[in-house]
Structure formats: structure tokens, C-alpha cells
Amino acid sequence: MSVVLFRRVPVQSPVHDLWAGTKMIGAFLISLLMFLPTWPVLGVMVAFLVFIGVLARIPLGTLPRLPWWFWGLLGIGGLVNAAVDGQAVLRYAQTVVLGLLLVATSFLVAWTTPMSDIAPALAKLGAPLRKLKLPVDEWAVVVALTLRGLPLLMEEIRVLRAARKLRPKNTLVALATENPLIDILTAAMAVSTRRAGELGEAITARGGTGELAAYPSSPGRRDAVALIVVVAVCAGAFALGIALL
């Protein structure tokens, strides 16, 4: 389930055809909700994201099924705030909805955008920073390698967990002293370090990172229309939230 979150959903839609930079700018604009996370604003943005998901033809099976302990932790947080007063519970609920909204926005970008398009879009968006002598291309390469390595790391963790379950449990002392989380994290760090070293040597042997993309994409008319729509929705949501304060 976790690995699918970082893969593009292979369907055709107007959202999939947008430039990657347009989607990242839209996600940034939606993240500005943190300055006014009222219920009217959250309601408008939830409806807008649902509309985008329908427009992007995201299947319901793509949605992650969160484990029971996640909802249990949210419930415990609600009980802790309930001990204060009802206003604390209301603020807590708004924070939870805002967090889920931002996560859903990130997932929509990942589901509708090839990971190979992220780095060129970041480099194009950060082009003005080159005048300040900042390593924009290097940062874009780091982001691209990180996005490419996340699914591999999660797959490695799944393999490590499966291999650990096959280990014999000899004595009760061993069962009492072992820590599954530390074992998995240590093994994952070791595997990540080894893979990073191998990747760095391979990049050096090939003469560096080279171009970010052979055929870099650029924004078009539909991207301008999409940004206008996002700006209009965000501005309308903020205006509604301020009017109802």
C-alpha cells in the first residue's frame, strides 16, 4: 500500500496532462490554508480536492487504507483535548482535517505526475535563484533521487520485515530483549547507506548527473487556466472564512 502512494496512476485525464510545476504551485497555494484553517475554508478545499480527484479519474482502490492504530491515536488525541474543553477539541479536529487535506494534496500530485518530471519542474521554478549563485540543479537532482529512492527503501523494509519473521525464536530471553523497530530501522539505514554509495559511484563513473531531462516540459495555456482556477478557489475560500469569522 505505501509504495503505491509514490506511483503515478496510469490513467488519462486533464489533470495528468498538466505541467508538474503547475501542480506543485497549486499544492503550495493550498498549503497556505494553515493561516486560516476554519471550517468554511476547510469545507471548500475538501470539496475542491474531491472534484480534482474525480476529474483526475483516481480509482477508489488507490486511496490508502490507514491502519487501526492511526485512528486510535487520533481518538486518544481527541480524548486528551476533551479533558480541556470543547474549544480544544474543535481546534484539534481542525488541525487533523488540515493535516489530512495537505497529505491528500501531496498524494494527488504523486498520483498524477511522473516522478521523472518533478526534478526538471523544480529546476525551472527555481531558475531565478541561479542569479544568486545557488545550486538549483543540484537541489533538483537530490529531490529526484530521493523520490526515486523512497519506493525502493519501502520495498527493502518490506523484505526485511518478511525475512525477520522467518528468523527462529529460540529462547524467551531473546524474545524479551529483541526490539523489532530498532532492528528494522538499523537494517534499513545500512541498506540505504550501501545503495547511496553505489549510486554515487555510478553517477561519478558516468560523468555526473548530466541533464535533468532529455525533453523538458514547460507550462502551456491549460496550466495558466488551472492556476487561475486554483487561485480563485483559494481566494474565495479565504474570503468566505474571513467573512464568517
C-alpha atoms as a PDB file:
ATOM      1  CA  MET A   1       0.000   0.000   0.000  1.00  0.00           C
ATOM      2  CA  SER A   2       2.683   2.516   0.985  1.00  0.00           C
ATOM      3  CA  VAL A   3       4.683   2.030  -2.198  1.00  0.00           C
ATOM      4  CA  VAL A   4       1.630   2.774  -4.373  1.00  0.00           C
ATOM      5  CA  LEU A   5       1.387   6.234  -2.841  1.00  0.00           C
ATOM      6  CA  PHE A   6       4.514   7.283  -4.745  1.00  0.00           C
ATOM      7  CA  ARG A   7       3.450   5.887  -8.109  1.00  0.00           C
ATOM      8  CA  ARG A   8       1.555   7.578 -10.891  1.00  0.00           C
ATOM      9  CA  VAL A   9      -1.930   6.213 -11.501  1.00  0.00           C
ATOM     10  CA  PRO A  10      -1.851   5.124 -15.173  1.00  0.00           C
ATOM     11  CA  VAL A  11      -4.985   6.846 -16.486  1.00  0.00           C
ATOM     12  CA  GLN A  12      -5.546   9.725 -18.853  1.00  0.00           C
ATOM     13  CA  SER A  13      -7.134  12.930 -17.600  1.00  0.00           C
ATOM     14  CA  PRO A  14      -6.751  16.720 -17.903  1.00  0.00           C
ATOM     15  CA  VAL A  15      -5.017  16.745 -14.502  1.00  0.00           C
ATOM     16  CA  HIS A  16      -2.405  14.220 -15.640  1.00  0.00           C
ATOM     17  CA  ASP A  17      -1.603  16.373 -18.679  1.00  0.00           C
ATOM     18  CA  LEU A  18      -0.735  19.450 -16.614  1.00  0.00           C
ATOM     19  CA  TRP A  19       2.880  20.505 -16.129  1.00  0.00           C
ATOM     20  CA  ALA A  20       4.426  19.195 -12.913  1.00  0.00           C
ATOM     21  CA  GLY A  21       5.360  22.710 -11.807  1.00  0.00           C
ATOM     22  CA  THR A  22       1.728  23.809 -12.067  1.00  0.00           C
ATOM     23  CA  LYS A  23       0.657  21.051  -9.697  1.00  0.00           C
ATOM     24  CA  MET A  24       3.398  21.941  -7.209  1.00  0.00           C
ATOM     25  CA  ILE A  25       2.405  25.612  -7.267  1.00  0.00           C
ATOM     26  CA  GLY A  26      -1.214  24.593  -6.713  1.00  0.00           C
ATOM     27  CA  ALA A  27      -0.207  22.379  -3.790  1.00  0.00           C
ATOM     28  CA  PHE A  28       1.732  25.299  -2.297  1.00  0.00           C
ATOM     29  CA  LEU A  29      -1.279  27.590  -2.615  1.00  0.00           C
ATOM     30  CA  ILE A  30      -3.479  25.024  -0.890  1.00  0.00           C
ATOM     31  CA  SER A  31      -0.902  24.691   1.900  1.00  0.00           C
ATOM     32  CA  LEU A  32      -1.495  28.378   2.719  1.00  0.00           C
ATOM     33  CA  LEU A  33      -4.692  27.193   4.397  1.00  0.00           C
ATOM     34  CA  MET A  34      -2.660  26.800   7.567  1.00  0.00           C
ATOM     35  CA  PHE A  35      -3.026  30.550   8.122  1.00  0.00           C
ATOM     36  CA  LEU A  36      -6.836  30.325   8.296  1.00  0.00           C
ATOM     37  CA  PRO A  37      -7.933  26.717   8.995  1.00  0.00           C
ATOM     38  CA  THR A  38     -11.597  27.491   9.718  1.00  0.00           C
ATOM     39  CA  TRP A  39     -14.375  25.053   8.901  1.00  0.00           C
ATOM     40  CA  PRO A  40     -15.735  27.026   5.905  1.00  0.00           C
ATOM     41  CA  VAL A  41     -12.268  27.194   4.356  1.00  0.00           C
ATOM     42  CA  LEU A  42     -11.607  23.504   5.025  1.00  0.00           C
ATOM     43  CA  GLY A  43     -15.004  22.556   3.632  1.00  0.00           C
ATOM     44  CA  VAL A  44     -14.443  24.437   0.385  1.00  0.00           C
ATOM     45  CA  MET A  45     -10.975  22.944  -0.088  1.00  0.00           C
ATOM     46  CA  VAL A  46     -12.130  19.390   0.698  1.00  0.00           C
ATOM     47  CA  ALA A  47     -14.862  19.736  -1.934  1.00  0.00           C
ATOM     48  CA  PHE A  48     -12.302  21.168  -4.381  1.00  0.00           C
ATOM     49  CA  LEU A  49      -9.887  18.262  -3.832  1.00  0.00           C
ATOM     50  CA  VAL A  50     -12.685  15.743  -4.285  1.00  0.00           C
ATOM     51  CA  PHE A  51     -13.548  17.464  -7.572  1.00  0.00           C
ATOM     52  CA  ILE A  52      -9.912  17.274  -8.679  1.00  0.00           C
ATOM     53  CA  GLY A  53      -9.782  13.585  -7.740  1.00  0.00           C
ATOM     54  CA  VAL A  54     -12.894  12.876  -9.814  1.00  0.00           C
ATOM     55  CA  LEU A  55     -11.526  14.944 -12.700  1.00  0.00           C
ATOM     56  CA  ALA A  56      -8.235  13.033 -12.488  1.00  0.00           C
ATOM     57  CA  ARG A  57     -10.155   9.706 -12.531  1.00  0.00           C
ATOM     58  CA  ILE A  58      -8.394   8.406  -9.435  1.00  0.00           C
ATOM     59  CA  PRO A  59      -9.866   4.950  -8.639  1.00  0.00           C
ATOM     60  CA  LEU A  60     -11.211   4.451  -5.126  1.00  0.00           C
ATOM     61  CA  GLY A  61      -8.890   1.459  -4.730  1.00  0.00           C
ATOM     62  CA  THR A  62      -5.918   3.825  -4.920  1.00  0.00           C
ATOM     63  CA  LEU A  63      -6.878   5.508  -1.656  1.00  0.00           C
ATOM     64  CA  PRO A  64      -4.727   4.269   1.254  1.00  0.00           C
ATOM     65  CA  ARG A  65      -6.351   2.168   3.950  1.00  0.00           C
ATOM     66  CA  LEU A  66      -4.927   3.561   7.161  1.00  0.00           C
ATOM     67  CA  PRO A  67      -4.282   1.059   9.988  1.00  0.00           C
ATOM     68  CA  TRP A  68      -6.426   0.877  13.094  1.00  0.00           C
ATOM     69  CA  TRP A  69      -3.697   2.277  15.338  1.00  0.00           C
ATOM     70  CA  PHE A  70      -3.669   5.516  13.317  1.00  0.00           C
ATOM     71  CA  TRP A  71      -7.332   6.131  14.059  1.00  0.00           C
ATOM     72  CA  GLY A  72      -6.724   5.009  17.625  1.00  0.00           C
ATOM     73  CA  LEU A  73      -4.052   7.684  18.090  1.00  0.00           C
ATOM     74  CA  LEU A  74      -6.394  10.305  16.666  1.00  0.00           C
ATOM     75  CA  GLY A  75      -9.052   9.178  19.121  1.00  0.00           C
ATOM     76  CA  ILE A  76      -6.618   9.400  22.030  1.00  0.00           C
ATOM     77  CA  GLY A  77      -5.691  12.920  20.946  1.00  0.00           C
ATOM     78  CA  GLY A  78      -9.356  13.855  20.917  1.00  0.00           C
ATOM     79  CA  LEU A  79      -9.847  12.474  24.431  1.00  0.00           C
ATOM     80  CA  VAL A  80      -6.831  14.413  25.699  1.00  0.00           C
ATOM     81  CA  ASN A  81      -8.243  17.649  24.283  1.00  0.00           C
ATOM     82  CA  ALA A  82     -11.712  16.811  25.600  1.00  0.00           C
ATOM     83  CA  ALA A  83     -10.257  16.978  29.098  1.00  0.00           C
ATOM     84  CA  VAL A  84      -9.560  20.680  28.482  1.00  0.00           C
ATOM     85  CA  ASP A  85     -12.780  21.952  26.899  1.00  0.00           C
ATOM     86  CA  GLY A  86     -14.906  21.748  23.781  1.00  0.00           C
ATOM     87  CA  GLN A  87     -12.961  24.523  22.056  1.00  0.00           C
ATOM     88  CA  ALA A  88      -9.760  22.482  22.321  1.00  0.00           C
ATOM     89  CA  VAL A  89     -11.495  19.519  20.673  1.00  0.00           C
ATOM     90  CA  LEU A  90     -12.699  21.805  17.869  1.00  0.00           C
ATOM     91  CA  ARG A  91      -9.190  23.139  17.254  1.00  0.00           C
ATOM     92  CA  TYR A  92      -7.790  19.625  17.352  1.00  0.00           C
ATOM     93  CA  ALA A  93     -10.319  18.434  14.767  1.00  0.00           C
ATOM     94  CA  GLN A  94      -9.480  21.375  12.511  1.00  0.00           C
ATOM     95  CA  THR A  95      -5.774  20.555  12.762  1.00  0.00           C
ATOM     96  CA  VAL A  96      -6.387  16.896  11.911  1.00  0.00           C
ATOM     97  CA  VAL A  97      -8.554  17.770   8.900  1.00  0.00           C
ATOM     98  CA  LEU A  98      -5.958  20.298   7.705  1.00  0.00           C
ATOM     99  CA  GLY A  99      -3.172  17.716   8.012  1.00  0.00           C
ATOM    100  CA  LEU A 100      -5.161  15.096   6.095  1.00  0.00           C
ATOM    101  CA  LEU A 101      -6.004  17.714   3.476  1.00  0.00           C
ATOM    102  CA  LEU A 102      -2.343  18.580   2.913  1.00  0.00           C
ATOM    103  CA  VAL A 103      -1.404  14.894   2.742  1.00  0.00           C
ATOM    104  CA  ALA A 104      -4.188  14.258   0.213  1.00  0.00           C
ATOM    105  CA  THR A 105      -2.891  17.168  -1.889  1.00  0.00           C
ATOM    106  CA  SER A 106       0.587  15.624  -1.916  1.00  0.00           C
ATOM    107  CA  PHE A 107      -0.867  12.255  -2.910  1.00  0.00           C
ATOM    108  CA  LEU A 108      -2.807  13.824  -5.779  1.00  0.00           C
ATOM    109  CA  VAL A 109       0.401  15.347  -7.119  1.00  0.00           C
ATOM    110  CA  ALA A 110       2.175  11.979  -6.860  1.00  0.00           C
ATOM    111  CA  TRP A 111      -0.709  10.053  -8.438  1.00  0.00           C
ATOM    112  CA  THR A 112      -0.960  12.374 -11.448  1.00  0.00           C
ATOM    113  CA  THR A 113       2.701  13.222 -12.083  1.00  0.00           C
ATOM    114  CA  PRO A 114       5.579  11.027 -13.288  1.00  0.00           C
ATOM    115  CA  MET A 115       8.428  11.233 -10.804  1.00  0.00           C
ATOM    116  CA  SER A 116      10.820  11.953 -13.675  1.00  0.00           C
ATOM    117  CA  ASP A 117       9.048  15.280 -14.288  1.00  0.00           C
ATOM    118  CA  ILE A 118       9.491  16.607 -10.742  1.00  0.00           C
ATOM    119  CA  ALA A 119      13.197  17.497 -10.949  1.00  0.00           C
ATOM    120  CA  PRO A 120      13.004  19.412 -14.268  1.00  0.00           C
ATOM    121  CA  ALA A 121       9.975  21.334 -12.974  1.00  0.00           C
ATOM    122  CA  LEU A 122      11.777  22.240  -9.755  1.00  0.00           C
ATOM    123  CA  ALA A 123      14.798  23.398 -11.734  1.00  0.00           C
ATOM    124  CA  LYS A 124      12.607  25.586 -13.955  1.00  0.00           C
ATOM    125  CA  LEU A 125      10.716  27.045 -10.992  1.00  0.00           C
ATOM    126  CA  GLY A 126      13.998  27.775  -9.212  1.00  0.00           C
ATOM    127  CA  ALA A 127      15.643  29.370 -12.245  1.00  0.00           C
ATOM    128  CA  PRO A 128      15.568  32.893 -10.709  1.00  0.00           C
ATOM    129  CA  LEU A 129      17.647  31.597  -7.796  1.00  0.00           C
ATOM    130  CA  ARG A 130      20.531  30.880 -10.158  1.00  0.00           C
ATOM    131  CA  LYS A 131      21.203  34.609 -10.222  1.00  0.00           C
ATOM    132  CA  LEU A 132      22.062  34.286  -6.531  1.00  0.00           C
ATOM    133  CA  LYS A 133      24.606  31.554  -7.377  1.00  0.00           C
ATOM    134  CA  LEU A 134      22.501  28.888  -5.668  1.00  0.00           C
ATOM    135  CA  PRO A 135      22.889  25.230  -6.808  1.00  0.00           C
ATOM    136  CA  VAL A 136      19.334  24.866  -8.118  1.00  0.00           C
ATOM    137  CA  ASP A 137      20.104  21.940 -10.438  1.00  0.00           C
ATOM    138  CA  GLU A 138      21.894  20.041  -7.680  1.00  0.00           C
ATOM    139  CA  TRP A 139      18.920  20.518  -5.357  1.00  0.00           C
ATOM    140  CA  ALA A 140      16.584  19.279  -8.077  1.00  0.00           C
ATOM    141  CA  VAL A 141      18.738  16.186  -8.576  1.00  0.00           C
ATOM    142  CA  VAL A 142      18.676  15.468  -4.834  1.00  0.00           C
ATOM    143  CA  VAL A 143      14.880  15.717  -4.812  1.00  0.00           C
ATOM    144  CA  ALA A 144      14.628  13.452  -7.860  1.00  0.00           C
ATOM    145  CA  LEU A 145      16.902  10.824  -6.327  1.00  0.00           C
ATOM    146  CA  THR A 146      15.001  10.998  -3.042  1.00  0.00           C
ATOM    147  CA  LEU A 147      11.649  10.461  -4.758  1.00  0.00           C
ATOM    148  CA  ARG A 148      13.132   7.615  -6.775  1.00  0.00           C
ATOM    149  CA  GLY A 149      14.655   6.022  -3.687  1.00  0.00           C
ATOM    150  CA  LEU A 150      11.576   6.156  -1.428  1.00  0.00           C
ATOM    151  CA  PRO A 151       9.712   3.271  -3.128  1.00  0.00           C
ATOM    152  CA  LEU A 152      12.938   1.239  -3.197  1.00  0.00           C
ATOM    153  CA  LEU A 153      13.502   1.875   0.504  1.00  0.00           C
ATOM    154  CA  MET A 154       9.954   0.854   1.370  1.00  0.00           C
ATOM    155  CA  GLU A 155      10.337  -2.307  -0.668  1.00  0.00           C
ATOM    156  CA  GLU A 156      13.551  -3.067   1.181  1.00  0.00           C
ATOM    157  CA  ILE A 157      11.759  -2.591   4.508  1.00  0.00           C
ATOM    158  CA  ARG A 158       9.041  -4.998   3.421  1.00  0.00           C
ATOM    159  CA  VAL A 159      11.667  -7.590   2.502  1.00  0.00           C
ATOM    160  CA  LEU A 160      13.477  -7.051   5.810  1.00  0.00           C
ATOM    161  CA  ARG A 161      10.239  -7.464   7.766  1.00  0.00           C
ATOM    162  CA  ALA A 162       9.418 -10.658   5.890  1.00  0.00           C
ATOM    163  CA  ALA A 163      12.924 -12.030   6.477  1.00  0.00           C
ATOM    164  CA  ARG A 164      12.755 -11.145  10.161  1.00  0.00           C
ATOM    165  CA  LYS A 165       9.527 -13.089  10.603  1.00  0.00           C
ATOM    166  CA  LEU A 166      11.336 -16.189   9.313  1.00  0.00           C
ATOM    167  CA  ARG A 167      14.055 -15.948  11.958  1.00  0.00           C
ATOM    168  CA  PRO A 168      13.835 -18.706  14.583  1.00  0.00           C
ATOM    169  CA  LYS A 169      12.848 -17.600  18.063  1.00  0.00           C
ATOM    170  CA  ASN A 170      14.923 -19.864  20.255  1.00  0.00           C
ATOM    171  CA  THR A 171      14.607 -18.650  23.821  1.00  0.00           C
ATOM    172  CA  LEU A 172      12.301 -16.482  25.901  1.00  0.00           C
ATOM    173  CA  VAL A 173      15.270 -14.246  26.741  1.00  0.00           C
ATOM    174  CA  ALA A 174      15.786 -13.481  23.060  1.00  0.00           C
ATOM    175  CA  LEU A 175      12.097 -12.686  22.682  1.00  0.00           C
ATOM    176  CA  ALA A 176      12.191 -10.346  25.661  1.00  0.00           C
ATOM    177  CA  THR A 177      15.309  -8.438  24.603  1.00  0.00           C
ATOM    178  CA  GLU A 178      14.666  -8.006  20.894  1.00  0.00           C
ATOM    179  CA  ASN A 179      13.278  -4.741  19.527  1.00  0.00           C
ATOM    180  CA  PRO A 180      11.651  -5.119  16.074  1.00  0.00           C
ATOM    181  CA  LEU A 181      11.554  -1.381  15.339  1.00  0.00           C
ATOM    182  CA  ILE A 182      15.237  -0.803  16.092  1.00  0.00           C
ATOM    183  CA  ASP A 183      16.237  -3.908  14.122  1.00  0.00           C
ATOM    184  CA  ILE A 184      14.283  -2.830  11.044  1.00  0.00           C
ATOM    185  CA  LEU A 185      15.492   0.791  11.206  1.00  0.00           C
ATOM    186  CA  THR A 186      19.117  -0.269  11.634  1.00  0.00           C
ATOM    187  CA  ALA A 187      18.921  -2.666   8.706  1.00  0.00           C
ATOM    188  CA  ALA A 188      17.139  -0.034   6.574  1.00  0.00           C
ATOM    189  CA  MET A 189      19.838   2.556   7.354  1.00  0.00           C
ATOM    190  CA  ALA A 190      22.568   0.081   6.444  1.00  0.00           C
ATOM    191  CA  VAL A 191      20.862  -0.801   3.160  1.00  0.00           C
ATOM    192  CA  SER A 192      20.238   2.891   2.360  1.00  0.00           C
ATOM    193  CA  THR A 193      23.875   3.794   3.035  1.00  0.00           C
ATOM    194  CA  ARG A 194      25.104   0.997   0.803  1.00  0.00           C
ATOM    195  CA  ARG A 195      22.720   1.905  -2.009  1.00  0.00           C
ATOM    196  CA  ALA A 196      23.618   5.602  -1.738  1.00  0.00           C
ATOM    197  CA  GLY A 197      27.303   4.780  -2.053  1.00  0.00           C
ATOM    198  CA  GLU A 198      26.701   2.563  -5.074  1.00  0.00           C
ATOM    199  CA  LEU A 199      24.520   5.234  -6.692  1.00  0.00           C
ATOM    200  CA  GLY A 200      27.126   7.943  -6.096  1.00  0.00           C
ATOM    201  CA  GLU A 201      29.860   5.798  -7.642  1.00  0.00           C
ATOM    202  CA  ALA A 202      27.647   5.055 -10.660  1.00  0.00           C
ATOM    203  CA  ILE A 203      26.887   8.767 -11.176  1.00  0.00           C
ATOM    204  CA  THR A 204      30.579   9.662 -10.885  1.00  0.00           C
ATOM    205  CA  ALA A 205      31.558   6.912 -13.348  1.00  0.00           C
ATOM    206  CA  ARG A 206      29.108   8.338 -15.892  1.00  0.00           C
ATOM    207  CA  GLY A 207      30.495  11.855 -15.622  1.00  0.00           C
ATOM    208  CA  GLY A 208      27.929  13.414 -13.299  1.00  0.00           C
ATOM    209  CA  THR A 209      24.193  13.859 -13.327  1.00  0.00           C
ATOM    210  CA  GLY A 210      24.064  15.437 -16.786  1.00  0.00           C
ATOM    211  CA  GLU A 211      20.781  16.914 -17.960  1.00  0.00           C
ATOM    212  CA  LEU A 212      17.741  16.579 -15.747  1.00  0.00           C
ATOM    213  CA  ALA A 213      15.554  15.578 -18.697  1.00  0.00           C
ATOM    214  CA  ALA A 214      16.168  14.887 -22.362  1.00  0.00           C
ATOM    215  CA  TYR A 215      12.917  16.627 -23.344  1.00  0.00           C
ATOM    216  CA  PRO A 216      11.979  19.003 -20.513  1.00  0.00           C
ATOM    217  CA  SER A 217       8.349  20.070 -20.469  1.00  0.00           C
ATOM    218  CA  SER A 218       7.094  23.596 -19.966  1.00  0.00           C
ATOM    219  CA  PRO A 219       3.804  25.207 -18.942  1.00  0.00           C
ATOM    220  CA  GLY A 220       1.139  25.948 -21.505  1.00  0.00           C
ATOM    221  CA  ARG A 221      -2.265  27.589 -21.792  1.00  0.00           C
ATOM    222  CA  ARG A 222      -4.055  24.880 -19.825  1.00  0.00           C
ATOM    223  CA  ASP A 223      -1.587  25.352 -16.973  1.00  0.00           C
ATOM    224  CA  ALA A 224      -2.423  29.057 -16.818  1.00  0.00           C
ATOM    225  CA  VAL A 225      -6.139  28.230 -16.709  1.00  0.00           C
ATOM    226  CA  ALA A 226      -5.561  25.648 -13.965  1.00  0.00           C
ATOM    227  CA  LEU A 227      -3.583  28.114 -11.845  1.00  0.00           C
ATOM    228  CA  ILE A 228      -6.275  30.767 -12.273  1.00  0.00           C
ATOM    229  CA  VAL A 229      -8.886  28.280 -11.066  1.00  0.00           C
ATOM    230  CA  VAL A 230      -6.783  27.275  -8.037  1.00  0.00           C
ATOM    231  CA  VAL A 231      -6.075  30.902  -7.128  1.00  0.00           C
ATOM    232  CA  ALA A 232      -9.760  31.760  -7.484  1.00  0.00           C
ATOM    233  CA  VAL A 233     -10.869  28.843  -5.292  1.00  0.00           C
ATOM    234  CA  CYS A 234      -8.260  29.575  -2.606  1.00  0.00           C
ATOM    235  CA  ALA A 235      -9.077  33.294  -2.618  1.00  0.00           C
ATOM    236  CA  GLY A 236     -12.811  32.532  -2.433  1.00  0.00           C
ATOM    237  CA  ALA A 237     -12.260  30.113   0.462  1.00  0.00           C
ATOM    238  CA  PHE A 238     -10.200  32.685   2.376  1.00  0.00           C
ATOM    239  CA  ALA A 239     -12.779  35.420   1.694  1.00  0.00           C
ATOM    240  CA  LEU A 240     -15.562  33.145   2.951  1.00  0.00           C
ATOM    241  CA  GLY A 241     -13.569  32.236   6.045  1.00  0.00           C
ATOM    242  CA  ILE A 242     -12.844  35.879   6.866  1.00  0.00           C
ATOM    243  CA  ALA A 243     -16.481  36.902   6.268  1.00  0.00           C
ATOM    244  CA  LEU A 244     -17.745  34.207   8.671  1.00  0.00           C
ATOM    245  CA  LEU A 245     -15.258  34.985  11.451  1.00  0.00           C
END
